[in-house]
Amino acid sequence: MAKKRRRDSGEPEETYEFVPPEFDEKEFLLKDLYGTKVLLVAALLAVVVGIVSACIQLTAEDFWWIGLILMVLVLIGFKQLLTMLKFRADLLDQKILIGNYILFFFLSLGTWILVLNL
């Protein structure tokens, strides 16, 4: 077999140096605190909506869909509710809000089911 020739151009290889981006610790902490506060508001609101939905269904069994509509309406107005409670929505990422929407829906649904089975 033939030997492969090495090409030596005499140029040194490029060296890559990683430079981390600027990190604003204060902004990170503010976003984290706001995310936690919004999570608590979503959880408390979900429990209240679940209890109200269960009470509606217990009083009029044929109107269970009113509780579902109530849950969806609160989900739609959740961001406006946060602005009414003086939360800055610009500090929250879209992923955090979507996570809070999912948490609200399932927690209110679970509370609704739990209250119905008492």
Protein backbone atom coordinates (compact mmCIF):
# COMPACT_ATOMS: atom_id res chain seq x y z
CA MET A 1 0.00 0.00 0.00
CA ALA A 2 1.05 3.49 -0.68
CA LYS A 3 1.80 5.84 2.12
CA LYS A 4 -0.32 8.94 2.43
CA ARG A 5 1.54 12.15 2.27
CA ARG A 6 0.93 14.76 4.86
CA ARG A 7 0.34 18.21 3.66
CA ASP A 8 2.15 20.64 5.84
CA SER A 9 1.34 24.15 4.90
CA GLY A 10 3.30 25.61 7.74
CA GLU A 11 0.31 27.56 9.06
CA PRO A 12 -0.54 27.11 12.74
CA GLU A 13 -3.97 25.70 13.57
CA GLU A 14 -6.66 28.07 14.73
CA THR A 15 -7.23 28.14 18.45
CA TYR A 16 -10.77 28.58 19.70
CA GLU A 17 -11.37 30.26 23.01
CA PHE A 18 -14.83 30.15 24.59
CA VAL A 19 -16.02 33.50 25.88
CA PRO A 20 -19.13 33.21 28.08
CA PRO A 21 -21.88 35.77 27.52
CA GLU A 22 -22.65 38.47 30.03
CA PHE A 23 -24.71 37.23 32.96
CA ASP A 24 -26.99 39.63 34.80
CA GLU A 25 -27.58 38.03 38.19
CA LYS A 26 -30.14 40.60 39.30
CA GLU A 27 -32.32 40.05 36.22
CA PHE A 28 -32.05 36.27 36.65
CA LEU A 29 -33.18 36.47 40.28
CA LEU A 30 -36.06 38.81 39.40
CA LYS A 31 -37.28 36.43 36.70
CA ASP A 32 -37.02 33.49 39.07
CA LEU A 33 -38.93 35.28 41.85
CA TYR A 34 -41.65 36.42 39.45
CA GLY A 35 -41.96 32.92 38.07
CA THR A 36 -42.44 31.53 41.56
CA LYS A 37 -45.03 34.18 42.47
CA VAL A 38 -46.98 33.50 39.28
CA LEU A 39 -46.84 29.77 40.01
CA LEU A 40 -48.36 30.35 43.45
CA VAL A 41 -51.09 32.59 42.01
CA ALA A 42 -51.89 29.95 39.37
CA ALA A 43 -52.06 27.19 41.98
CA LEU A 44 -54.34 29.14 44.34
CA LEU A 45 -56.59 30.23 41.50
CA ALA A 46 -56.78 26.66 40.22
CA VAL A 47 -57.95 25.36 43.60
CA VAL A 48 -60.61 28.08 43.82
CA VAL A 49 -61.87 27.44 40.28
CA GLY A 50 -61.92 23.68 40.92
CA ILE A 51 -64.02 24.10 44.06
CA VAL A 52 -66.41 26.51 42.33
CA SER A 53 -66.78 24.14 39.37
CA ALA A 54 -67.52 21.22 41.68
CA CYS A 55 -70.12 23.25 43.58
CA ILE A 56 -71.81 24.17 40.31
CA GLN A 57 -71.93 20.52 39.28
CA LEU A 58 -73.20 19.38 42.69
CA THR A 59 -76.08 21.85 42.62
CA ALA A 60 -77.08 21.17 39.01
CA GLU A 61 -75.68 17.87 37.70
CA ASP A 62 -76.73 18.50 34.11
CA PHE A 63 -74.70 21.71 33.91
CA TRP A 64 -71.19 20.29 34.37
CA TRP A 65 -70.07 22.11 31.23
CA ILE A 66 -70.42 25.46 33.01
CA GLY A 67 -67.46 24.51 35.21
CA LEU A 68 -65.43 23.59 32.15
CA ILE A 69 -66.27 26.90 30.49
CA LEU A 70 -65.27 28.69 33.70
CA MET A 71 -61.88 26.95 33.64
CA VAL A 72 -61.28 27.89 30.02
CA LEU A 73 -62.32 31.51 30.57
CA VAL A 74 -59.95 31.88 33.50
CA LEU A 75 -57.18 30.35 31.37
CA ILE A 76 -57.86 32.85 28.59
CA GLY A 77 -57.83 35.80 30.99
CA PHE A 78 -54.89 34.60 33.08
CA LYS A 79 -52.37 37.05 31.63
CA GLN A 80 -54.77 39.97 32.08
CA LEU A 81 -55.38 38.84 35.65
CA LEU A 82 -51.64 38.91 36.28
CA THR A 83 -51.40 42.48 35.00
CA MET A 84 -54.31 43.45 37.28
CA LEU A 85 -52.37 41.98 40.21
CA LYS A 86 -49.39 44.22 39.28
CA PHE A 87 -47.14 41.47 37.88
CA ARG A 88 -44.83 42.49 35.07
CA ALA A 89 -45.58 40.12 32.21
CA ASP A 90 -42.44 41.14 30.31
CA LEU A 91 -40.26 39.39 32.92
CA LEU A 92 -41.93 36.04 32.24
CA ASP A 93 -40.86 33.76 29.44
CA GLN A 94 -43.44 32.15 27.21
CA LYS A 95 -42.37 28.70 28.47
CA ILE A 96 -43.11 29.69 32.05
CA LEU A 97 -46.58 30.93 31.12
CA ILE A 98 -47.40 27.78 29.15
CA GLY A 99 -46.27 25.68 32.11
CA ASN A 100 -48.51 27.70 34.40
CA TYR A 101 -51.46 27.25 32.02
CA ILE A 102 -50.98 23.48 32.03
CA LEU A 103 -50.57 23.43 35.81
CA PHE A 104 -53.73 25.50 36.26
CA PHE A 105 -55.82 23.26 34.02
CA PHE A 106 -54.80 19.97 35.59
CA LEU A 107 -54.80 21.24 39.18
CA SER A 108 -58.28 22.74 38.82
CA LEU A 109 -59.51 19.55 37.15
CA GLY A 110 -58.01 17.45 39.95
CA THR A 111 -59.53 19.67 42.63
CA TRP A 112 -62.88 19.45 40.88
CA ILE A 113 -62.77 15.65 40.83
CA LEU A 114 -61.57 15.48 44.42
CA VAL A 115 -64.37 17.72 45.71
CA LEU A 116 -66.96 15.71 43.76
CA ASN A 117 -65.81 12.49 45.44
CA LEU A 118 -65.99 13.83 49.00
